[in-house]
Amino acid sequence: MELAEELECEPDEQAVLERRRSQSPEEYAASLLRATGTDWLFVDDGFPAHGEGFGWQAMGDLAACQARPVMRIETRRGPEVETATARKHGFVALKTIAAYRGGLRLGEDHPLWRVLEANADTGDPLPLQVHCGFGDSDLLLPYADPGWLKPAIERFPATPFVLLHCYPFVREAGWLAHVYPNVYFDLSLTIPHVARGAEALREALELAPVSKLLYASDAALAPELYFLGAKRWREALAEVLPELLPAGEAEEAGRAILRDNALRLYGI
C-alpha cells in the first residue's frame, strides 16, 4: 500500500512490480531514494560485495545527496593499518560485524582490540559502528547483546561506539547510551522490519537521551527498504515523541534524531 501510493499505481503486488519494471534500475532506485528526503548517506563499503551494487559515490548521485563511505574492517587484510589512515581517505566511520564472527564477548586476542588501538592512536578516533542484535541465521543472538561491549567502551572512552539495530536488546542499548558518554545507537533494521516500530522507539527512549539516538535504515540492494525505512521512522517518531515532550520540543527532538545527532557525531 505504501509503495503503491508513492508509485501512483494500484495497491497490489503485481501493479507495483509492473511499475518497477517500467523503469530502469537507476531510475526506479533514484525515485525512491529521493523520496526519503535524505541529506547525507553513509554507506557500508563492505556490503554488497564490490561489483554487486552501485557503490557509495553512485548511491549519493541516485539519492541526490552527499555520500560518504563507512569502512567495514572485516573486509580488510590489515585492518589496523588501514584504520590509521581511514579518516584521511574520506571514511566517516568504521564498522565491525564481530557479532557474526564469534560474538561481542571479545577475548584478549580478538583482532578488534588492535583496530581500536590503531583508531585511538590517531588522536581523533572515528566512530565505530557495531552490529548488535538480530540478523541472519549465522549469528548466535545471545552473543550479539551490546552489553558484552562494556569493557571496550570503558577502555576507549574517546572512541564513539554506535550500536546498530539492537533488537531485541533495545533497552540494553538504551542503558549503555544513558551511562556512557561515548555510546550512541540506532534502530536500523528494527525499523522497518519489526512489526511494532513505535514500541521499539519507546523502549529506546526509556533511558537514553534523545541526543544519543540516530536514524538509520540499514537498507541495501532493494531501494524499497530506503523508502519504507524513512517513512516508518517518521511515523514512529510522530507517534512517540508527542507522548514524551511538549509540541515544540518534540519537533526539535525529531529533527535531532533524523539528522542533527548524526551530523554532530560524524563531524559533518
Protein backbone atom coordinates (compact mmCIF):
# COMPACT_ATOMS: atom_id res chain seq x y z
CA MET A 1 0.00 0.00 0.00
CA GLU A 2 2.75 2.49 0.96
CA LEU A 3 4.79 1.74 -2.14
CA ALA A 4 1.75 1.83 -4.39
CA GLU A 5 0.82 5.27 -3.08
CA GLU A 6 4.31 6.59 -3.74
CA LEU A 7 4.48 4.98 -7.19
CA GLU A 8 0.93 6.08 -8.06
CA CYS A 9 -0.28 2.62 -9.04
CA GLU A 10 -2.91 0.16 -7.88
CA PRO A 11 -2.33 -1.15 -4.34
CA ASP A 12 -1.38 -4.71 -5.22
CA GLU A 13 1.88 -6.57 -5.68
CA GLN A 14 1.56 -7.06 -9.43
CA ALA A 15 0.93 -3.38 -10.09
CA VAL A 16 3.97 -2.40 -8.02
CA LEU A 17 6.09 -4.97 -9.87
CA GLU A 18 4.93 -3.68 -13.25
CA ARG A 19 5.73 -0.10 -12.26
CA ARG A 20 9.17 -1.26 -11.11
CA ARG A 21 9.80 -3.00 -14.44
CA SER A 22 8.67 0.02 -16.42
CA GLN A 23 11.77 1.97 -15.32
CA SER A 24 15.48 1.29 -15.46
CA PRO A 25 17.01 0.14 -12.15
CA GLU A 26 18.70 3.53 -11.82
CA GLU A 27 15.51 5.50 -12.43
CA TYR A 28 13.48 3.38 -10.05
CA ALA A 29 16.12 3.50 -7.30
CA ALA A 30 16.53 7.26 -7.68
CA SER A 31 12.79 7.88 -7.38
CA LEU A 32 12.52 6.04 -4.06
CA LEU A 33 15.83 7.26 -2.65
CA ARG A 34 14.95 10.89 -3.36
CA ALA A 35 11.52 10.43 -1.82
CA THR A 36 13.23 9.85 1.56
CA GLY A 37 14.45 13.46 1.73
CA THR A 38 17.95 12.33 2.67
CA ASP A 39 20.70 14.96 3.03
CA TRP A 40 23.62 12.66 3.84
CA LEU A 41 24.09 8.98 3.05
CA PHE A 42 26.68 6.91 4.93
CA VAL A 43 27.33 3.67 3.06
CA ASP A 44 28.99 0.48 4.34
CA ASP A 45 31.66 -0.26 1.72
CA GLY A 46 31.70 -3.98 2.55
CA PHE A 47 28.14 -4.89 1.54
CA PRO A 48 27.06 -5.64 -1.06
CA ALA A 49 30.32 -7.02 -2.44
CA HIS A 50 32.23 -4.92 -4.95
CA GLY A 51 30.52 -5.06 -8.34
CA GLU A 52 27.11 -6.08 -6.95
CA GLY A 53 25.81 -2.63 -6.05
CA PHE A 54 26.12 0.95 -7.18
CA GLY A 55 28.92 1.94 -4.78
CA TRP A 56 28.76 4.79 -2.31
CA GLN A 57 29.53 7.54 -4.83
CA ALA A 58 26.78 6.41 -7.21
CA MET A 59 24.38 5.99 -4.30
CA GLY A 60 24.86 9.66 -3.48
CA ASP A 61 24.14 10.59 -7.08
CA LEU A 62 20.99 8.45 -7.15
CA ALA A 63 19.74 9.95 -3.91
CA ALA A 64 20.78 13.48 -4.95
CA CYS A 65 22.60 13.96 -1.67
CA GLN A 66 26.05 13.95 -0.11
CA ALA A 67 27.54 10.48 0.47
CA ARG A 68 30.49 9.15 2.47
CA PRO A 69 31.85 5.62 2.93
CA VAL A 70 32.00 3.55 6.12
CA MET A 71 34.93 1.14 6.31
CA ARG A 72 33.97 -2.41 7.18
CA ILE A 73 37.05 -3.70 8.95
CA GLU A 74 36.39 -7.42 8.33
CA THR A 75 36.93 -6.88 4.60
CA ARG A 76 40.48 -5.55 5.15
CA ARG A 77 43.57 -7.74 5.12
CA GLY A 78 45.37 -5.41 7.52
CA PRO A 79 42.52 -3.54 9.19
CA GLU A 80 44.59 -1.85 11.88
CA VAL A 81 46.89 -0.38 9.20
CA GLU A 82 44.00 0.93 7.11
CA THR A 83 42.25 2.20 10.22
CA ALA A 84 45.15 4.55 10.92
CA THR A 85 44.53 6.41 7.64
CA ALA A 86 40.79 5.88 7.25
CA ARG A 87 39.83 9.46 8.05
CA LYS A 88 42.43 10.81 5.60
CA HIS A 89 40.87 8.66 2.88
CA GLY A 90 37.41 10.07 3.45
CA PHE A 91 35.82 7.43 5.65
CA VAL A 92 33.28 8.81 8.08
CA ALA A 93 33.26 5.77 10.38
CA LEU A 94 34.46 2.21 10.91
CA LYS A 95 32.14 -0.78 11.13
CA THR A 96 32.50 -4.26 12.59
CA ILE A 97 30.38 -7.37 12.22
CA ALA A 98 32.18 -9.16 15.06
CA ALA A 99 28.75 -10.37 16.20
CA TYR A 100 28.86 -12.69 13.17
CA ARG A 101 32.45 -13.76 13.88
CA GLY A 102 32.06 -15.33 17.29
CA GLY A 103 30.09 -12.61 19.07
CA LEU A 104 30.72 -9.42 21.01
CA ARG A 105 32.34 -11.09 24.02
CA LEU A 106 35.84 -10.11 22.94
CA GLY A 107 38.71 -12.35 24.03
CA GLU A 108 42.13 -10.95 24.86
CA ASP A 109 43.49 -11.74 21.42
CA HIS A 110 40.47 -10.60 19.42
CA PRO A 111 41.57 -8.60 16.32
CA LEU A 112 39.08 -5.85 17.16
CA TRP A 113 41.31 -4.74 20.04
CA ARG A 114 44.13 -3.94 17.59
CA VAL A 115 41.76 -1.95 15.41
CA LEU A 116 40.51 0.00 18.42
CA GLU A 117 44.09 0.74 19.48
CA ALA A 118 45.03 1.93 15.99
CA ASN A 119 41.93 4.11 15.85
CA ALA A 120 42.65 5.62 19.26
CA ASP A 121 46.27 6.24 18.37
CA THR A 122 45.24 8.65 15.60
CA GLY A 123 44.24 11.13 18.31
CA ASP A 124 40.95 11.74 16.55
CA PRO A 125 39.25 8.33 16.52
CA LEU A 126 36.47 7.62 14.06
CA PRO A 127 33.14 6.35 15.39
CA LEU A 128 32.96 2.56 15.42
CA GLN A 129 29.65 1.11 14.25
CA VAL A 130 28.91 -2.32 15.76
CA HIS A 131 26.29 -4.77 14.55
CA CYS A 132 24.22 -5.71 17.61
CA GLY A 133 21.12 -7.85 17.99
CA PHE A 134 19.30 -9.76 15.31
CA GLY A 135 20.47 -10.57 11.81
CA ASP A 136 20.96 -13.62 9.63
CA SER A 137 20.91 -17.23 10.81
CA ASP A 138 24.71 -17.48 11.17
CA LEU A 139 24.56 -15.21 14.22
CA LEU A 140 24.21 -16.51 17.80
CA LEU A 141 21.79 -13.98 19.23
CA PRO A 142 22.83 -14.05 22.95
CA TYR A 143 26.40 -13.14 21.92
CA ALA A 144 25.11 -10.16 19.92
CA ASP A 145 23.94 -8.38 23.07
CA PRO A 146 25.66 -4.96 23.14
CA GLY A 147 26.23 -5.37 26.87
CA TRP A 148 29.26 -7.53 26.01
CA LEU A 149 30.95 -4.36 24.69
CA LYS A 150 31.21 -2.79 28.15
CA PRO A 151 34.99 -3.49 28.54
CA ALA A 152 35.76 -1.96 25.12
CA ILE A 153 33.55 1.06 25.74
CA GLU A 154 35.35 1.73 29.03
CA ARG A 155 38.84 1.08 27.67
CA PHE A 156 38.39 3.52 24.76
CA PRO A 157 36.39 6.45 26.19
CA ALA A 158 37.37 8.80 23.35
CA THR A 159 36.01 6.44 20.68
CA PRO A 160 32.32 6.85 19.87
CA PHE A 161 30.60 3.45 19.74
CA VAL A 162 27.48 3.33 17.56
CA LEU A 163 25.29 0.31 18.31
CA LEU A 164 23.38 -0.74 15.19
CA HIS A 165 19.97 -2.45 15.01
CA CYS A 166 19.89 -3.65 18.66
CA TYR A 167 16.61 -5.65 18.61
CA PRO A 168 15.73 -7.38 20.91
CA PHE A 169 18.34 -5.65 23.08
CA VAL A 170 16.91 -2.17 22.61
CA ARG A 171 16.67 -1.46 26.35
CA GLU A 172 20.24 -2.71 26.87
CA ALA A 173 21.48 -0.36 24.14
CA GLY A 174 19.50 2.50 25.65
CA TRP A 175 21.07 1.85 29.04
CA LEU A 176 24.58 1.88 27.57
CA ALA A 177 23.83 5.17 25.81
CA HIS A 178 22.48 6.51 29.11
CA VAL A 179 25.51 5.70 31.25
CA TYR A 180 28.41 6.12 28.77
CA PRO A 181 29.08 9.46 27.03
CA ASN A 182 30.73 7.69 24.08
CA VAL A 183 27.81 5.37 23.21
CA TYR A 184 25.16 6.07 20.58
CA PHE A 185 22.66 3.74 18.95
CA ASP A 186 20.11 3.35 16.20
CA LEU A 187 17.11 1.16 15.40
CA SER A 188 18.06 0.41 11.81
CA LEU A 189 16.82 -2.96 10.59
CA THR A 190 14.49 -2.93 13.62
CA ILE A 191 12.59 -0.21 11.76
CA PRO A 192 11.13 -1.13 9.27
CA HIS A 193 11.34 -4.92 9.78
CA VAL A 194 9.99 -5.33 13.34
CA ALA A 195 6.21 -5.01 13.35
CA ARG A 196 5.92 -2.60 16.30
CA GLY A 197 8.40 0.11 15.39
CA ALA A 198 6.85 2.68 17.70
CA GLU A 199 7.13 0.29 20.64
CA ALA A 200 10.84 -0.25 19.94
CA LEU A 201 11.27 3.53 19.85
CA ARG A 202 9.53 3.84 23.22
CA GLU A 203 11.92 1.28 24.69
CA ALA A 204 14.90 3.11 23.19
CA LEU A 205 13.93 6.37 24.87
CA GLU A 206 13.06 4.93 28.29
CA LEU A 207 16.60 5.70 29.47
CA ALA A 208 18.59 7.08 26.56
CA PRO A 209 18.55 10.82 25.90
CA VAL A 210 17.23 11.97 22.54
CA SER A 211 20.73 13.19 21.68
CA LYS A 212 22.05 9.60 21.59
CA LEU A 213 19.54 8.07 19.16
CA LEU A 214 20.22 8.12 15.41
CA TYR A 215 18.06 7.47 12.38
CA ALA A 216 19.34 4.77 10.02
CA SER A 217 17.69 2.25 7.72
CA ASP A 218 20.35 -0.46 7.15
CA ALA A 219 18.88 -0.62 3.65
CA ALA A 220 20.83 -2.34 0.88
CA LEU A 221 20.12 -3.79 -2.56
CA ALA A 222 16.36 -3.09 -2.53
CA PRO A 223 15.51 0.63 -2.93
CA GLU A 224 12.12 -0.03 -1.33
CA LEU A 225 13.86 -0.52 2.01
CA TYR A 226 15.29 3.02 1.96
CA PHE A 227 11.84 4.44 1.31
CA LEU A 228 10.00 2.27 3.85
CA GLY A 229 12.66 2.78 6.50
CA ALA A 230 12.43 6.56 6.25
CA LYS A 231 8.63 6.55 6.15
CA ARG A 232 8.17 4.25 9.12
CA TRP A 233 10.79 6.03 11.21
CA ARG A 234 8.96 9.32 10.69
CA GLU A 235 5.65 7.69 11.56
CA ALA A 236 7.08 6.17 14.74
CA LEU A 237 8.64 9.47 15.80
CA ALA A 238 5.39 11.33 15.12
CA GLU A 239 3.54 8.87 17.35
CA VAL A 240 6.01 8.58 20.24
CA LEU A 241 7.71 11.96 20.69
CA PRO A 242 4.49 13.91 21.43
CA GLU A 243 3.85 11.41 24.24
CA LEU A 244 7.15 12.34 25.83
CA LEU A 245 7.67 16.03 25.06
CA PRO A 246 5.76 19.28 24.51
CA ALA A 247 5.00 20.05 20.86
CA GLY A 248 7.94 22.36 20.17
CA GLU A 249 10.42 20.09 21.92
CA ALA A 250 9.03 17.02 20.15
CA GLU A 251 9.64 18.61 16.76
CA GLU A 252 13.18 19.57 17.77
CA ALA A 253 13.83 16.04 19.05
CA GLY A 254 12.57 14.53 15.80
CA ARG A 255 14.93 16.73 13.80
CA ALA A 256 17.82 15.73 16.07
CA ILE A 257 17.17 12.00 15.69
CA LEU A 258 16.63 12.18 11.94
CA ARG A 259 19.55 14.48 11.16
CA ASP A 260 21.35 16.67 13.66
CA ASN A 261 22.66 13.97 16.01
CA ALA A 262 24.40 12.19 13.13
CA LEU A 263 25.88 15.39 11.71
CA ARG A 264 27.37 16.21 15.09
CA LEU A 265 28.62 12.68 15.82
CA TYR A 266 30.27 12.15 12.43
CA GLY A 267 31.68 15.66 12.25
CA ILE A 268 29.83 16.72 9.13
